[in-house]
Amino acid sequence: MREAQAVPYTEIESQDDVRISSGVTEFDRVLGGGIVPGTLVLLGGDPGIGKSTLLLQVADKLSASGAIVLYVSGEESERQIKLRGERLGVQAPNLLLLPETNLENIFREIERLKPGAIIVDSIQTTFSSEIESAPGSISQIREVAAQFLLLAKTRGTPVFLIGHVTKEGSIAGPRALEHIVDTVLYFEGERHHNHRIVRATKNRFGAANEVGVFEMTSTGLAPVANPSQMFLAERPADAAGSVVTACMEGTRPMLVEIQALVSSSKYGTGRRMTQGDDQNRVALMIAMLEKRAGMQLARGRSWPGNRDRFELSQSANRCAHRRLRRGRPNR
């Protein structure tokens, strides 16, 4: 590792021209145009949603370009990773697998191999013998992440950490890692749906809230170049209760279908259920329609949401909800 030394600001070279392509177009989009040397990326999501599959595909592309990629696995053996790689068609001539959870042993292998990229699957299973607490605890997770951050910055090696999402929806505990890493990516999607969405909630080297859309196939995650076409593929024409709205997700505009169902209720207070929309925002729009448009929705049951469960991050869908309340199809 190099020694820390102060450097004049004017002598520091820009890194915009030295980004490394991951070989996966949508993943490069989420990262801000490619992988920055020395970056620490945290990829989180529910178990089984495709985190390991995506990074194994990225490792395959980086390995094909000549870089040595070290894949540290604390949850799967080499044979299990090999089996998944064969299903995905991974060749990876320069991919090295290391089934290890001890941080000190991992760093010894890194010192020996000097890889060009490191993938750790997962951060919860990796532990340091210098910390007395159990693997997966907050102190262990912070220590491991801090050591990998120091490694990435001193060597200029990109490091990818996989983290599981807890029941509360946070990665590896309540905001335990998000302030340490450079980039935080969340995997979104339903298991019974074919598409997956990777959203950047923090990115020091690119636009935050950028999204990448993938389609789960038998050979892995395939990037979707035109998400609007995929989202609207099964939309019925001229159907009441269905509109198409345009929204900005990161730096890319998307067309998303929003559906709503309103029915009468026998109870005093109507039930409100949302899918892919913020429930408080929907309640506010219902109150505005009752106050300004004279619609009686207090005793009605409402189920607004988008069909693909795509979580909209901006308020561009408000006009679509107003049109849905009138029962008009979108032209």
Protein backbone atom coordinates (compact mmCIF):
# COMPACT_ATOMS: atom_id res chain seq x y z
CA MET A 1 0.00 0.00 0.00
CA ARG A 2 1.20 3.51 -0.81
CA GLU A 3 1.88 6.05 1.92
CA ALA A 4 -0.53 8.92 2.44
CA GLN A 5 0.93 12.17 1.15
CA ALA A 6 -0.60 15.58 0.43
CA VAL A 7 -0.92 16.38 -3.28
CA PRO A 8 -1.61 19.83 -4.81
CA TYR A 9 -5.12 20.15 -6.21
CA THR A 10 -3.90 21.39 -9.61
CA GLU A 11 -1.70 18.31 -10.08
CA ILE A 12 -4.52 15.80 -9.61
CA GLU A 13 -5.69 14.25 -12.87
CA SER A 14 -9.38 13.86 -13.59
CA GLN A 15 -10.74 10.30 -13.56
CA ASP A 16 -13.59 10.84 -16.04
CA ASP A 17 -11.44 9.51 -18.88
CA VAL A 18 -10.21 6.42 -17.03
CA ARG A 19 -13.52 4.74 -16.25
CA ILE A 20 -13.55 1.02 -16.88
CA SER A 21 -16.49 -0.52 -18.70
CA SER A 22 -18.06 -3.42 -16.83
CA GLY A 23 -19.25 -4.95 -20.12
CA VAL A 24 -22.89 -4.65 -18.95
CA THR A 25 -24.44 -1.49 -20.38
CA GLU A 26 -27.16 -0.96 -17.77
CA PHE A 27 -24.71 -1.55 -14.93
CA ASP A 28 -22.39 1.08 -16.42
CA ARG A 29 -25.33 3.50 -16.60
CA VAL A 30 -26.11 3.08 -12.90
CA LEU A 31 -22.46 3.60 -11.96
CA GLY A 32 -22.37 6.87 -13.91
CA GLY A 33 -20.66 5.67 -17.09
CA GLY A 34 -18.41 2.88 -15.90
CA ILE A 35 -16.29 1.69 -12.99
CA VAL A 36 -14.05 4.27 -11.37
CA PRO A 37 -10.70 2.86 -10.17
CA GLY A 38 -10.56 2.73 -6.39
CA THR A 39 -14.32 2.86 -5.90
CA LEU A 40 -16.18 0.89 -3.22
CA VAL A 41 -19.63 -0.22 -4.40
CA LEU A 42 -22.33 -1.76 -2.21
CA LEU A 43 -25.00 -3.82 -3.99
CA GLY A 44 -27.98 -4.67 -1.79
CA GLY A 45 -31.26 -6.49 -2.27
CA ASP A 46 -33.48 -9.28 -1.07
CA PRO A 47 -32.04 -12.82 -1.02
CA GLY A 48 -32.34 -14.59 -4.36
CA ILE A 49 -33.14 -11.49 -6.40
CA GLY A 50 -30.01 -11.76 -8.59
CA LYS A 51 -27.16 -9.87 -6.88
CA SER A 52 -24.62 -12.69 -7.22
CA THR A 53 -25.77 -13.42 -10.77
CA LEU A 54 -25.23 -9.83 -11.89
CA LEU A 55 -21.77 -9.50 -10.36
CA LEU A 56 -20.73 -12.88 -11.73
CA GLN A 57 -21.65 -11.62 -15.19
CA VAL A 58 -19.68 -8.42 -14.55
CA ALA A 59 -16.72 -10.52 -13.39
CA ASP A 60 -16.94 -12.52 -16.61
CA LYS A 61 -16.83 -9.37 -18.76
CA LEU A 62 -13.97 -7.83 -16.80
CA SER A 63 -12.05 -11.10 -16.94
CA ALA A 64 -12.52 -11.28 -20.71
CA SER A 65 -10.95 -7.84 -21.04
CA GLY A 66 -7.75 -9.12 -19.40
CA ALA A 67 -8.25 -8.01 -15.80
CA ILE A 68 -7.71 -10.45 -12.93
CA VAL A 69 -10.93 -10.62 -10.89
CA LEU A 70 -11.01 -12.11 -7.39
CA TYR A 71 -14.43 -13.42 -6.34
CA VAL A 72 -14.53 -13.92 -2.56
CA SER A 73 -17.45 -16.12 -1.55
CA GLY A 74 -18.52 -16.72 2.01
CA GLU A 75 -21.84 -18.36 1.19
CA GLU A 76 -21.14 -20.69 -1.74
CA SER A 77 -18.41 -23.14 -2.59
CA GLU A 78 -16.35 -23.05 -5.78
CA ARG A 79 -18.47 -25.82 -7.31
CA GLN A 80 -21.70 -23.98 -6.63
CA ILE A 81 -20.36 -20.84 -8.31
CA LYS A 82 -19.04 -22.94 -11.20
CA LEU A 83 -22.46 -24.55 -11.63
CA ARG A 84 -24.17 -21.18 -11.81
CA GLY A 85 -21.47 -19.90 -14.16
CA GLU A 86 -22.04 -22.80 -16.55
CA ARG A 87 -25.75 -21.98 -16.63
CA LEU A 88 -24.92 -18.36 -17.43
CA GLY A 89 -22.36 -19.28 -20.08
CA VAL A 90 -19.47 -17.72 -18.12
CA GLN A 91 -15.99 -18.34 -19.57
CA ALA A 92 -13.94 -16.02 -17.32
CA PRO A 93 -10.31 -17.01 -18.07
CA ASN A 94 -8.96 -14.61 -15.40
CA LEU A 95 -11.59 -15.14 -12.69
CA LEU A 96 -10.27 -16.52 -9.40
CA LEU A 97 -12.63 -17.95 -6.76
CA LEU A 98 -11.78 -17.75 -3.07
CA PRO A 99 -14.18 -19.43 -0.59
CA GLU A 100 -13.06 -17.59 2.55
CA THR A 101 -14.70 -15.53 5.30
CA ASN A 102 -11.68 -14.46 7.37
CA LEU A 103 -10.65 -10.93 6.44
CA GLU A 104 -6.96 -11.41 7.22
CA ASN A 105 -6.76 -14.50 4.98
CA ILE A 106 -8.55 -12.63 2.20
CA PHE A 107 -6.08 -9.75 2.38
CA ARG A 108 -3.13 -12.14 2.21
CA GLU A 109 -4.51 -13.57 -1.04
CA ILE A 110 -5.10 -10.06 -2.38
CA GLU A 111 -1.50 -9.17 -1.58
CA ARG A 112 -0.31 -12.29 -3.43
CA LEU A 113 -2.59 -12.07 -6.48
CA LYS A 114 -2.89 -8.27 -6.87
CA PRO A 115 -6.27 -8.48 -8.70
CA GLY A 116 -7.72 -5.71 -10.84
CA ALA A 117 -11.18 -6.02 -9.26
CA ILE A 118 -12.57 -7.66 -6.11
CA ILE A 119 -16.07 -8.98 -5.42
CA VAL A 120 -17.09 -9.92 -1.87
CA ASP A 121 -20.20 -12.10 -1.50
CA SER A 122 -21.33 -11.21 1.07
CA ILE A 123 -20.35 -8.55 3.57
CA GLN A 124 -22.42 -10.24 6.31
CA THR A 125 -20.34 -13.42 6.23
CA THR A 126 -16.91 -11.76 6.26
CA PHE A 127 -15.33 -11.15 9.66
CA SER A 128 -12.11 -9.89 11.19
CA SER A 129 -10.40 -11.95 13.88
CA GLU A 130 -9.41 -8.70 15.61
CA ILE A 131 -13.07 -8.00 16.46
CA GLU A 132 -14.60 -10.20 19.13
CA SER A 133 -18.21 -9.90 17.98
CA ALA A 134 -19.89 -12.47 15.73
CA PRO A 135 -19.89 -12.24 11.91
CA GLY A 136 -22.74 -10.11 10.64
CA SER A 137 -22.79 -7.79 13.65
CA ILE A 138 -22.66 -4.03 13.19
CA SER A 139 -19.08 -3.75 14.48
CA GLN A 140 -17.86 -6.55 12.20
CA ILE A 141 -19.62 -5.12 9.15
CA ARG A 142 -18.23 -1.64 9.71
CA GLU A 143 -14.70 -2.92 10.31
CA VAL A 144 -14.72 -5.11 7.20
CA ALA A 145 -16.15 -2.30 5.05
CA ALA A 146 -13.59 0.19 6.40
CA GLN A 147 -10.71 -2.19 5.60
CA PHE A 148 -11.95 -2.73 2.05
CA LEU A 149 -12.39 1.04 1.64
CA LEU A 150 -8.76 1.56 2.68
CA LEU A 151 -7.68 -1.16 0.27
CA ALA A 152 -9.64 0.34 -2.63
CA LYS A 153 -8.29 3.87 -2.09
CA THR A 154 -4.65 2.92 -1.57
CA ARG A 155 -4.42 0.39 -4.41
CA GLY A 156 -6.89 1.97 -6.83
CA THR A 157 -8.75 -1.35 -7.08
CA PRO A 158 -12.54 -1.34 -7.47
CA VAL A 159 -14.26 -3.40 -4.78
CA PHE A 160 -17.86 -4.64 -4.94
CA LEU A 161 -19.63 -5.66 -1.74
CA ILE A 162 -22.86 -7.66 -1.74
CA GLY A 163 -25.18 -6.96 1.19
CA HIS A 164 -28.50 -8.52 2.08
CA VAL A 165 -31.46 -6.35 2.96
CA THR A 166 -32.91 -6.78 6.45
CA LYS A 167 -36.61 -6.96 7.34
CA GLU A 168 -36.60 -3.20 7.89
CA GLY A 169 -35.39 -2.65 4.32
CA SER A 170 -31.85 -1.50 5.17
CA ILE A 171 -28.62 -3.09 3.96
CA ALA A 172 -26.86 -5.06 6.71
CA GLY A 173 -28.52 -3.11 9.50
CA PRO A 174 -29.76 0.46 9.95
CA ARG A 175 -27.59 2.54 7.59
CA ALA A 176 -24.49 0.71 8.75
CA LEU A 177 -22.57 0.93 5.47
CA GLU A 178 -24.09 3.65 3.32
CA HIS A 179 -21.87 6.43 4.73
CA ILE A 180 -18.70 4.37 4.23
CA VAL A 181 -19.00 3.26 0.61
CA ASP A 182 -18.83 5.42 -2.53
CA THR A 183 -21.87 3.98 -4.28
CA VAL A 184 -25.01 2.29 -2.96
CA LEU A 185 -27.07 0.21 -5.40
CA TYR A 186 -30.40 -1.41 -4.55
CA PHE A 187 -31.87 -4.35 -6.42
CA GLU A 188 -35.63 -4.00 -6.88
CA GLY A 189 -38.18 -6.36 -8.39
CA GLU A 190 -40.57 -9.21 -7.73
CA ARG A 191 -39.49 -12.82 -7.95
CA HIS A 192 -42.46 -13.76 -10.15
CA HIS A 193 -41.68 -10.89 -12.55
CA ASN A 194 -39.02 -11.15 -15.24
CA HIS A 195 -37.60 -7.67 -14.88
CA ARG A 196 -35.16 -6.40 -12.26
CA ILE A 197 -34.24 -2.80 -11.50
CA VAL A 198 -30.94 -1.60 -10.05
CA ARG A 199 -31.26 1.85 -8.49
CA ALA A 200 -28.41 4.06 -7.31
CA THR A 201 -29.36 5.79 -4.06
CA LYS A 202 -25.87 7.22 -3.53
CA ASN A 203 -23.09 7.79 -6.05
CA ARG A 204 -20.04 9.97 -5.52
CA PHE A 205 -19.00 9.54 -9.16
CA GLY A 206 -22.33 9.90 -10.98
CA ALA A 207 -25.98 10.84 -10.81
CA ALA A 208 -27.89 9.58 -7.80
CA ASN A 209 -31.24 7.84 -8.36
CA GLU A 210 -30.08 6.49 -11.73
CA VAL A 211 -31.71 3.19 -12.66
CA GLY A 212 -30.71 0.22 -14.77
CA VAL A 213 -33.31 -2.21 -16.05
CA PHE A 214 -32.63 -5.90 -16.59
CA GLU A 215 -34.66 -8.88 -17.72
CA MET A 216 -34.16 -12.21 -16.00
CA THR A 217 -33.62 -14.93 -18.60
CA SER A 218 -32.42 -18.53 -18.54
CA THR A 219 -28.89 -17.28 -19.28
CA GLY A 220 -28.81 -14.55 -16.64
CA LEU A 221 -29.69 -10.87 -16.46
CA ALA A 222 -30.02 -9.23 -19.87
CA PRO A 223 -29.84 -5.40 -20.09
CA VAL A 224 -33.01 -3.73 -21.38
CA ALA A 225 -32.16 -0.87 -23.73
CA ASN A 226 -35.77 0.38 -23.99
CA PRO A 227 -37.54 -0.08 -20.62
CA SER A 228 -40.67 1.77 -21.77
CA GLN A 229 -41.33 -0.84 -24.43
CA MET A 230 -41.04 -3.62 -21.87
CA PHE A 231 -43.26 -1.89 -19.31
CA LEU A 232 -46.02 -1.23 -21.88
CA ALA A 233 -45.82 -4.53 -23.77
CA GLU A 234 -48.92 -6.08 -22.17
CA ARG A 235 -50.99 -2.92 -21.72
CA PRO A 236 -54.59 -3.20 -23.06
CA ALA A 237 -55.63 -0.50 -25.53
CA ASP A 238 -58.27 2.08 -24.49
CA ALA A 239 -58.92 0.43 -21.13
CA ALA A 240 -60.58 2.43 -18.35
CA GLY A 241 -58.49 2.76 -15.22
CA SER A 242 -55.19 2.62 -17.09
CA VAL A 243 -52.98 5.52 -18.17
CA VAL A 244 -49.40 5.96 -19.32
CA THR A 245 -47.29 8.62 -17.67
CA ALA A 246 -43.79 9.88 -18.41
CA CYS A 247 -41.34 10.14 -15.53
CA MET A 248 -37.67 10.94 -15.15
CA GLU A 249 -35.62 8.24 -13.45
CA GLY A 250 -32.10 9.54 -13.09
CA THR A 251 -31.11 10.93 -16.49
CA ARG A 252 -33.51 8.81 -18.56
CA PRO A 253 -37.21 9.43 -19.28
CA MET A 254 -39.50 6.40 -19.02
CA LEU A 255 -43.09 5.59 -19.88
CA VAL A 256 -44.85 3.65 -17.13
CA GLU A 257 -48.39 2.34 -16.94
CA ILE A 258 -50.43 3.29 -13.87
CA GLN A 259 -53.64 1.47 -13.04
CA ALA A 260 -56.35 2.24 -10.51
CA LEU A 261 -59.47 0.51 -9.25
CA VAL A 262 -62.15 2.30 -7.22
CA SER A 263 -65.18 0.51 -5.78
CA SER A 264 -67.82 1.29 -3.18
CA SER A 265 -67.40 0.17 0.41
CA LYS A 266 -69.99 -0.99 2.94
CA TYR A 267 -67.89 0.34 5.79
CA GLY A 268 -67.58 3.90 7.01
CA THR A 269 -63.99 4.40 5.91
CA GLY A 270 -62.68 3.30 2.54
CA ARG A 271 -59.57 1.18 2.25
CA ARG A 272 -56.48 2.50 0.45
CA MET A 273 -53.89 0.14 -1.04
CA THR A 274 -50.97 1.12 -3.25
CA GLN A 275 -48.48 -0.82 -5.31
CA GLY A 276 -45.27 0.86 -6.42
CA ASP A 277 -46.54 4.24 -5.20
CA ASP A 278 -46.14 6.13 -1.95
CA GLN A 279 -49.29 5.65 0.11
CA ASN A 280 -49.07 9.09 1.71
CA ARG A 281 -48.82 10.74 -1.70
CA VAL A 282 -51.89 8.86 -2.91
CA ALA A 283 -53.83 9.90 0.20
CA LEU A 284 -52.89 13.53 -0.49
CA MET A 285 -54.08 13.32 -4.11
CA ILE A 286 -57.38 11.74 -3.02
CA ALA A 287 -57.91 14.61 -0.57
CA MET A 288 -57.17 17.16 -3.31
CA LEU A 289 -59.68 15.50 -5.67
CA GLU A 290 -62.36 15.53 -3.00
CA LYS A 291 -61.71 19.16 -2.08
CA ARG A 292 -61.09 20.73 -5.48
CA ALA A 293 -62.85 18.44 -7.95
CA GLY A 294 -65.86 17.49 -5.82
CA MET A 295 -65.28 13.73 -6.10
CA GLN A 296 -66.71 11.62 -3.28
CA LEU A 297 -63.98 9.10 -2.55
CA ALA A 298 -64.00 9.01 1.24
CA ARG A 299 -66.14 5.86 1.42
CA GLY A 300 -64.69 4.25 -1.68
CA ARG A 301 -62.00 1.61 -1.78
CA SER A 302 -59.02 2.56 -3.94
CA TRP A 303 -56.19 0.47 -5.36
CA PRO A 304 -53.84 2.67 -7.39
CA GLY A 305 -50.41 1.56 -8.53
CA ASN A 306 -48.28 0.64 -11.52
CA ARG A 307 -48.63 -2.80 -13.01
CA ASP A 308 -44.91 -3.56 -13.07
CA ARG A 309 -44.38 -2.52 -9.41
CA PHE A 310 -41.89 0.08 -10.63
CA GLU A 311 -41.32 2.51 -7.77
CA LEU A 312 -41.65 6.04 -9.12
CA SER A 313 -39.24 8.42 -7.44
CA GLN A 314 -40.79 11.73 -8.53
CA SER A 315 -44.22 13.36 -8.55
CA ALA A 316 -44.71 13.24 -12.32
CA ASN A 317 -47.49 10.66 -11.89
CA ARG A 318 -49.92 12.97 -10.11
CA CYS A 319 -51.70 14.05 -13.29
CA ALA A 320 -52.00 10.40 -14.28
CA HIS A 321 -53.76 9.62 -11.00
CA ARG A 322 -56.18 12.51 -11.54
CA ARG A 323 -57.09 11.15 -14.95
CA LEU A 324 -57.54 7.67 -13.48
CA ARG A 325 -60.08 9.02 -10.98
CA ARG A 326 -62.21 10.24 -13.88
CA GLY A 327 -62.20 6.76 -15.34
CA ARG A 328 -60.76 7.87 -18.69
CA PRO A 329 -58.30 5.81 -20.68
CA ASN A 330 -55.13 7.48 -21.84
CA ARG A 331 -55.02 8.28 -25.56
